[in-house]
Amino acid sequence: MLFRSRIFVFTICSLVASIRGVDATTLVTNGGFESQAFMTTDPTGNEYRYVPGDVASITGWTFTTTGDGENSYLIAAGSNYGTVPEGAYALRLNVGDWISQSIVPPVSGSYEVSITTKGWQVGYNDLRLTIGGTSVGIPIGFNGTTQLAATLNGSTTLAIDWLPVAGEESNAAAEDFGGSGVVVDAISVTAVPEPSLGVVGLGGVAALAAIGRRCRGRSRLR
C-alpha cells in the first residue's frame, strides 16, 4: 500500500512539474521599433526617417496612412525631437496614420498589453489602443505607460489609431491637424500567469503527502 501511494505521489508531482505557464516573452514584433535602425540626418541635426517617404514600411507592422497632414516618422534617441521613451528608436505617429499587426497567442487566456507614449506637438485627438475587441483611449498629451487587460482566443489584431473627434469627421484618421501626433514606443503583449495552477498543484502534493504519512503510520502498527 505504501509503495503504491509513493508511486501515485511521484506521478502527480511529475505531472504538475510538466505543466508550464505561457512564455512571458512579448508577442509583438518590433514593439520598440529597434529593428528599423537606419536613419538619415538633415542639416539641422535631426535624425528621422519618414514613413512611407523614406521607409516604405516598418518592420513587423502594417502601416496605413490617409496621406493627410505630415507623415509619421521614426526618430532616434538624442535627436532634438524629444526623448525616446525606450531603447534607441521610437515612432512618431501623426494623426492620419495608424499601425497594426497580427498577434497569435500560444494559448487562449488573459494577456496584458502595454504601450509607452510621449506627447509632442500635441493636438486634441486621443490615441486608441485596440486588441481582441477591447480598446482603451490614451490622452494624446499623456507621458508614460498605459496597460490594457484583454482575453485573447486565437489570432487577433493589435491596432494603434486615433479616436474620432466630436464635430469632425467620423474617422479621426482622415483628419488633417497639421502634424499633430505622439511618440509611441515599448509596445508589448504578454501572458498573465494563472496563479491558481500552482496553488492547486501544491495543494494536491500536500494532500498526497498526508496520505503517505497515514500509510506509513498504518504499516508500523501492523
Protein backbone atom coordinates (compact mmCIF):
# COMPACT_ATOMS: atom_id res chain seq x y z
CA MET A 1 0.00 0.00 0.00
CA LEU A 2 2.80 2.40 0.94
CA PHE A 3 4.70 1.60 -2.27
CA ARG A 4 1.63 2.27 -4.41
CA SER A 5 0.99 5.59 -2.60
CA ARG A 6 4.56 6.67 -3.28
CA ILE A 7 4.19 5.82 -6.96
CA PHE A 8 0.95 7.82 -7.08
CA VAL A 9 2.60 10.84 -5.41
CA PHE A 10 5.55 10.65 -7.80
CA THR A 11 3.22 10.52 -10.80
CA ILE A 12 1.22 13.54 -9.67
CA CYS A 13 4.36 15.55 -8.86
CA SER A 14 5.79 14.77 -12.29
CA LEU A 15 2.55 15.86 -13.94
CA VAL A 16 2.47 19.17 -12.05
CA ALA A 17 6.11 19.83 -12.86
CA SER A 18 5.48 19.23 -16.54
CA ILE A 19 2.76 21.89 -16.75
CA ARG A 20 4.42 25.12 -17.77
CA GLY A 21 2.93 28.60 -17.97
CA VAL A 22 2.81 30.62 -21.17
CA ASP A 23 6.14 32.16 -22.07
CA ALA A 24 6.12 35.76 -20.87
CA THR A 25 8.09 36.92 -23.92
CA THR A 26 6.22 39.66 -25.78
CA LEU A 27 4.16 38.56 -28.77
CA VAL A 28 4.73 41.86 -30.60
CA THR A 29 7.23 42.01 -33.45
CA ASN A 30 9.48 45.08 -33.25
CA GLY A 31 7.45 46.66 -30.46
CA GLY A 32 10.30 49.04 -29.68
CA PHE A 33 11.00 49.88 -33.35
CA GLU A 34 14.61 48.83 -32.83
CA SER A 35 14.66 46.54 -35.87
CA GLN A 36 14.29 49.55 -38.18
CA ALA A 37 17.59 51.04 -37.14
CA PHE A 38 18.66 53.03 -40.18
CA MET A 39 18.26 56.80 -40.06
CA THR A 40 19.00 59.89 -42.10
CA THR A 41 20.25 63.22 -40.80
CA ASP A 42 19.17 66.60 -42.15
CA PRO A 43 21.43 69.71 -41.99
CA THR A 44 19.97 70.78 -38.63
CA GLY A 45 20.98 67.51 -37.00
CA ASN A 46 17.50 66.00 -36.73
CA GLU A 47 17.60 62.21 -37.03
CA TYR A 48 14.45 60.77 -38.57
CA ARG A 49 13.02 58.54 -41.28
CA TYR A 50 9.67 59.47 -42.78
CA VAL A 51 7.14 56.70 -43.34
CA PRO A 52 6.41 55.91 -46.13
CA GLY A 53 8.55 58.60 -47.75
CA ASP A 54 11.98 57.42 -46.56
CA VAL A 55 10.91 54.00 -45.26
CA ALA A 56 8.33 52.06 -47.27
CA SER A 57 7.21 50.08 -44.22
CA ILE A 58 8.03 49.46 -40.56
CA THR A 59 9.42 46.04 -39.72
CA GLY A 60 6.70 43.87 -38.14
CA TRP A 61 3.93 46.44 -38.61
CA THR A 62 1.31 47.24 -41.22
CA PHE A 63 1.47 51.00 -41.66
CA THR A 64 -1.60 52.79 -43.01
CA THR A 65 -1.95 56.45 -43.96
CA THR A 66 -4.58 58.67 -45.50
CA GLY A 67 -1.87 60.92 -46.89
CA ASP A 68 -3.30 63.87 -44.96
CA GLY A 69 -1.03 66.07 -42.89
CA GLU A 70 2.61 65.41 -42.08
CA ASN A 71 3.86 61.86 -42.44
CA SER A 72 4.78 59.84 -39.37
CA TYR A 73 8.46 59.13 -38.85
CA LEU A 74 10.93 57.01 -36.90
CA ILE A 75 13.14 59.05 -34.57
CA ALA A 76 16.43 58.32 -32.85
CA ALA A 77 17.31 58.88 -29.20
CA GLY A 78 19.28 62.04 -28.65
CA SER A 79 17.67 63.93 -31.52
CA ASN A 80 16.04 67.30 -30.91
CA TYR A 81 12.64 65.71 -31.49
CA GLY A 82 12.47 64.82 -27.83
CA THR A 83 13.40 61.89 -25.60
CA VAL A 84 12.79 58.39 -26.91
CA PRO A 85 10.87 56.52 -24.16
CA GLU A 86 12.75 53.20 -24.54
CA GLY A 87 15.78 51.97 -26.47
CA ALA A 88 17.37 53.78 -29.38
CA TYR A 89 14.34 54.42 -31.59
CA ALA A 90 10.63 55.22 -31.43
CA LEU A 91 7.80 56.05 -33.81
CA ARG A 92 6.27 59.50 -34.01
CA LEU A 93 2.70 58.58 -35.05
CA ASN A 94 0.86 61.52 -36.60
CA VAL A 95 -2.89 61.92 -36.97
CA GLY A 96 -3.87 60.45 -40.33
CA ASP A 97 -1.64 57.39 -39.81
CA TRP A 98 -2.07 54.17 -37.83
CA ILE A 99 -0.25 50.88 -37.30
CA SER A 100 -1.35 47.29 -36.73
CA GLN A 101 -0.08 43.72 -36.68
CA SER A 102 -1.45 40.22 -36.25
CA ILE A 103 -0.97 38.68 -32.80
CA VAL A 104 -1.10 34.90 -32.37
CA PRO A 105 -1.27 33.87 -28.69
CA PRO A 106 0.14 30.39 -27.96
CA VAL A 107 -2.91 29.63 -25.80
CA SER A 108 -6.23 31.29 -25.05
CA GLY A 109 -6.31 33.28 -21.85
CA SER A 110 -5.57 36.61 -20.19
CA TYR A 111 -2.96 38.93 -21.67
CA GLU A 112 -1.62 42.36 -20.81
CA VAL A 113 -0.93 44.97 -23.47
CA SER A 114 1.47 47.79 -22.68
CA ILE A 115 2.45 50.94 -24.58
CA THR A 116 4.58 53.95 -23.68
CA THR A 117 3.67 57.34 -25.12
CA LYS A 118 5.20 60.80 -25.10
CA GLY A 119 3.21 63.84 -26.24
CA TRP A 120 4.85 66.26 -28.63
CA GLN A 121 3.20 68.99 -30.72
CA VAL A 122 0.02 67.89 -29.03
CA GLY A 123 -3.31 68.19 -30.85
CA TYR A 124 -6.73 67.26 -29.50
CA ASN A 125 -7.15 63.69 -30.66
CA ASP A 126 -6.76 60.77 -28.28
CA LEU A 127 -4.76 57.74 -29.27
CA ARG A 128 -6.61 54.40 -29.31
CA LEU A 129 -5.11 51.00 -28.49
CA THR A 130 -7.21 48.02 -29.59
CA ILE A 131 -6.71 44.26 -29.31
CA GLY A 132 -9.16 41.35 -29.38
CA GLY A 133 -12.17 43.67 -29.47
CA THR A 134 -11.00 45.53 -26.34
CA SER A 135 -9.78 49.11 -26.61
CA VAL A 136 -8.59 51.99 -24.44
CA GLY A 137 -8.18 55.68 -25.18
CA ILE A 138 -4.87 57.37 -24.34
CA PRO A 139 -4.85 61.17 -23.99
CA ILE A 140 -2.50 62.49 -26.63
CA GLY A 141 -0.56 64.52 -24.08
CA PHE A 142 -0.01 61.58 -21.72
CA ASN A 143 3.64 60.80 -20.96
CA GLY A 144 4.03 57.34 -19.50
CA THR A 145 2.92 53.73 -19.81
CA THR A 146 -0.65 52.59 -20.43
CA GLN A 147 -1.69 48.96 -19.83
CA LEU A 148 -4.75 47.12 -21.10
CA ALA A 149 -6.00 43.70 -19.96
CA ALA A 150 -7.61 41.53 -22.63
CA THR A 151 -8.81 37.97 -23.07
CA LEU A 152 -7.46 36.54 -26.31
CA ASN A 153 -8.76 33.45 -28.11
CA GLY A 154 -6.72 32.72 -31.20
CA SER A 155 -5.28 35.11 -33.77
CA THR A 156 -6.27 38.75 -33.35
CA THR A 157 -5.17 42.23 -34.43
CA LEU A 158 -3.28 44.77 -32.36
CA ALA A 159 -4.01 48.26 -33.67
CA ILE A 160 -2.96 51.77 -32.66
CA ASP A 161 -5.02 54.51 -34.27
CA TRP A 162 -6.96 57.66 -33.33
CA LEU A 163 -10.28 58.24 -31.62
CA PRO A 164 -12.81 60.36 -33.54
CA VAL A 165 -13.23 63.97 -32.51
CA ALA A 166 -16.76 65.21 -31.84
CA GLY A 167 -17.93 67.59 -34.53
CA GLU A 168 -15.29 66.48 -37.01
CA GLU A 169 -15.19 63.60 -39.49
CA SER A 170 -16.37 60.27 -38.08
CA ASN A 171 -12.94 58.80 -38.69
CA ALA A 172 -10.22 60.76 -36.92
CA ALA A 173 -7.58 59.07 -39.07
CA ALA A 174 -8.95 61.01 -42.07
CA GLU A 175 -8.47 64.37 -40.39
CA ASP A 176 -5.57 66.72 -41.05
CA PHE A 177 -4.33 68.58 -37.99
CA GLY A 178 -1.06 69.82 -39.43
CA GLY A 179 1.19 67.19 -37.91
CA SER A 180 -0.40 66.62 -34.51
CA GLY A 181 0.92 63.35 -33.14
CA VAL A 182 2.53 61.44 -30.32
CA VAL A 183 5.65 59.31 -29.85
CA VAL A 184 4.83 55.62 -29.28
CA ASP A 185 7.31 53.03 -28.05
CA ALA A 186 7.80 49.84 -25.98
CA ILE A 187 4.64 48.10 -27.22
CA SER A 188 4.21 44.61 -25.79
CA VAL A 189 1.67 41.81 -25.33
CA THR A 190 2.44 39.29 -22.59
CA ALA A 191 0.54 36.45 -20.96
CA VAL A 192 -0.86 36.94 -17.48
CA PRO A 193 0.22 33.95 -15.32
CA GLU A 194 -2.52 31.76 -13.87
CA PRO A 195 -1.71 31.64 -10.14
CA SER A 196 -4.44 29.09 -9.45
CA LEU A 197 -2.47 26.35 -11.23
CA GLY A 198 0.43 26.49 -8.79
CA VAL A 199 -1.86 26.70 -5.77
CA VAL A 200 -3.87 23.68 -6.90
CA GLY A 201 -0.69 21.75 -7.66
CA LEU A 202 0.87 22.45 -4.26
CA GLY A 203 -2.40 21.66 -2.51
CA GLY A 204 -2.58 18.31 -4.27
CA VAL A 205 1.01 17.44 -3.36
CA ALA A 206 0.36 18.36 0.30
CA ALA A 207 -2.74 16.16 0.37
CA LEU A 208 -0.87 13.25 -1.15
CA ALA A 209 1.98 13.70 1.32
CA ALA A 210 -0.56 13.45 4.15
CA ILE A 211 -1.90 10.22 2.63
CA GLY A 212 1.65 8.88 2.52
CA ARG A 213 2.20 9.69 6.22
CA ARG A 214 -1.01 7.92 7.18
CA CYS A 215 0.01 4.87 5.18
CA ARG A 216 3.39 4.77 6.90
CA GLY A 217 1.66 5.03 10.30
CA ARG A 218 -0.60 2.13 9.48
CA SER A 219 2.31 -0.02 8.30
CA ARG A 220 4.08 0.49 11.64
CA LEU A 221 1.01 -0.72 13.54
CA ARG A 222 0.92 -3.99 11.63
